[in-house]
């Protein structure tokens, strides 16, 4: 069994809530043949891991902060 991939992301790849979904085209997955779509939250280190397939998604904390500030409404 090959190890699960690690996918590097940028803030533009995240949902408006700062999450990522898996399966994800960034991970070169066919959406119809993997597992149910799940939305993953990043930890403080900017990492999230899919409970179904083990794919790890990484975004730098700076990217996450830029994304969060971009959606602040006054």
C-alpha atoms as a PDB file:
ATOM      1  CA  UNK A   1       0.000   0.000   0.000  1.00  0.00           C
ATOM      2  CA  UNK A   2       1.480   3.330  -1.021  1.00  0.00           C
ATOM      3  CA  UNK A   3       1.592   6.211   1.474  1.00  0.00           C
ATOM      4  CA  UNK A   4      -1.156   8.813   1.342  1.00  0.00           C
ATOM      5  CA  UNK A   5      -0.218  11.948  -0.579  1.00  0.00           C
ATOM      6  CA  UNK A   6       0.629  15.289   1.000  1.00  0.00           C
ATOM      7  CA  UNK A   7      -0.986  18.181  -0.856  1.00  0.00           C
ATOM      8  CA  UNK A   8       0.419  21.709  -0.512  1.00  0.00           C
ATOM      9  CA  UNK A   9      -2.260  24.398  -0.728  1.00  0.00           C
ATOM     10  CA  UNK A  10      -2.551  28.155  -0.995  1.00  0.00           C
ATOM     11  CA  UNK A  11      -5.248  30.308   0.572  1.00  0.00           C
ATOM     12  CA  UNK A  12      -7.087  30.512  -2.772  1.00  0.00           C
ATOM     13  CA  UNK A  13      -7.626  26.728  -2.596  1.00  0.00           C
ATOM     14  CA  UNK A  14      -9.643  26.959   0.629  1.00  0.00           C
ATOM     15  CA  UNK A  15     -13.401  27.333   1.059  1.00  0.00           C
ATOM     16  CA  UNK A  16     -14.758  30.698   2.288  1.00  0.00           C
ATOM     17  CA  UNK A  17     -14.688  29.193   5.808  1.00  0.00           C
ATOM     18  CA  UNK A  18     -10.972  28.379   5.502  1.00  0.00           C
ATOM     19  CA  UNK A  19     -11.468  24.632   5.050  1.00  0.00           C
ATOM     20  CA  UNK A  20     -10.609  22.111   2.346  1.00  0.00           C
ATOM     21  CA  UNK A  21     -12.725  19.243   1.093  1.00  0.00           C
ATOM     22  CA  UNK A  22     -11.650  15.716   0.301  1.00  0.00           C
ATOM     23  CA  UNK A  23     -11.710  14.082  -2.182  1.00  0.00           C
ATOM     24  CA  UNK A  24     -10.179  17.074  -3.911  1.00  0.00           C
ATOM     25  CA  UNK A  25      -9.016  17.692  -7.490  1.00  0.00           C
ATOM     26  CA  UNK A  26      -5.771  19.145  -6.052  1.00  0.00           C
ATOM     27  CA  UNK A  27      -4.981  15.614  -4.857  1.00  0.00           C
ATOM     28  CA  UNK A  28      -5.578  14.260  -8.382  1.00  0.00           C
ATOM     29  CA  UNK A  29      -8.588  12.257  -7.192  1.00  0.00           C
ATOM     30  CA  UNK A  30     -11.563  11.252  -9.262  1.00  0.00           C
ATOM     31  CA  UNK A  31     -14.467  12.634  -7.237  1.00  0.00           C
ATOM     32  CA  UNK A  32     -16.808   9.804  -8.169  1.00  0.00           C
ATOM     33  CA  UNK A  33     -14.686   6.823  -7.123  1.00  0.00           C
ATOM     34  CA  UNK A  34     -13.084   7.597  -3.779  1.00  0.00           C
ATOM     35  CA  UNK A  35     -15.198   8.360  -0.689  1.00  0.00           C
ATOM     36  CA  UNK A  36     -17.931  10.749   0.546  1.00  0.00           C
ATOM     37  CA  UNK A  37     -16.940  14.432   0.489  1.00  0.00           C
ATOM     38  CA  UNK A  38     -15.784  15.685   3.866  1.00  0.00           C
ATOM     39  CA  UNK A  39     -14.765  19.207   4.855  1.00  0.00           C
ATOM     40  CA  UNK A  40     -11.572  19.388   6.884  1.00  0.00           C
ATOM     41  CA  UNK A  41     -10.447  22.111   9.285  1.00  0.00           C
ATOM     42  CA  UNK A  42      -6.764  22.956   9.581  1.00  0.00           C
ATOM     43  CA  UNK A  43      -4.926  22.723  12.894  1.00  0.00           C
ATOM     44  CA  UNK A  44      -2.685  25.531  14.193  1.00  0.00           C
ATOM     45  CA  UNK A  45       0.218  24.180  12.116  1.00  0.00           C
ATOM     46  CA  UNK A  46      -1.856  24.456   8.928  1.00  0.00           C
ATOM     47  CA  UNK A  47      -2.416  20.724   8.489  1.00  0.00           C
ATOM     48  CA  UNK A  48      -5.533  18.628   7.929  1.00  0.00           C
ATOM     49  CA  UNK A  49      -5.843  14.878   7.339  1.00  0.00           C
ATOM     50  CA  UNK A  50      -8.717  13.049   5.702  1.00  0.00           C
ATOM     51  CA  UNK A  51     -10.172  10.335   7.966  1.00  0.00           C
ATOM     52  CA  UNK A  52     -11.184   8.237   4.942  1.00  0.00           C
ATOM     53  CA  UNK A  53      -8.116   8.109   2.703  1.00  0.00           C
ATOM     54  CA  UNK A  54      -5.367   9.616   4.867  1.00  0.00           C
ATOM     55  CA  UNK A  55      -4.510  12.368   2.381  1.00  0.00           C
ATOM     56  CA  UNK A  56      -2.782  15.217   4.186  1.00  0.00           C
ATOM     57  CA  UNK A  57      -3.399  18.816   3.213  1.00  0.00           C
ATOM     58  CA  UNK A  58      -0.926  21.522   4.234  1.00  0.00           C
ATOM     59  CA  UNK A  59      -1.291  25.267   4.058  1.00  0.00           C
ATOM     60  CA  UNK A  60       1.191  27.652   5.634  1.00  0.00           C
ATOM     61  CA  UNK A  61      -0.211  29.472   8.668  1.00  0.00           C
ATOM     62  CA  UNK A  62       0.515  32.757   6.863  1.00  0.00           C
ATOM     63  CA  UNK A  63      -1.678  31.613   3.964  1.00  0.00           C
ATOM     64  CA  UNK A  64      -4.473  30.764   6.406  1.00  0.00           C
ATOM     65  CA  UNK A  65      -4.207  34.195   8.059  1.00  0.00           C
ATOM     66  CA  UNK A  66      -4.260  35.970   4.702  1.00  0.00           C
ATOM     67  CA  UNK A  67      -7.369  33.993   3.780  1.00  0.00           C
ATOM     68  CA  UNK A  68      -9.132  34.806   7.072  1.00  0.00           C
ATOM     69  CA  UNK A  69      -8.414  38.514   6.804  1.00  0.00           C
ATOM     70  CA  UNK A  70      -9.665  38.598   3.235  1.00  0.00           C
ATOM     71  CA  UNK A  71     -13.166  37.635   4.398  1.00  0.00           C
ATOM     72  CA  UNK A  72     -13.605  40.045   7.319  1.00  0.00           C
ATOM     73  CA  UNK A  73     -16.812  42.057   6.960  1.00  0.00           C
ATOM     74  CA  UNK A  74     -17.230  45.377   8.758  1.00  0.00           C
END
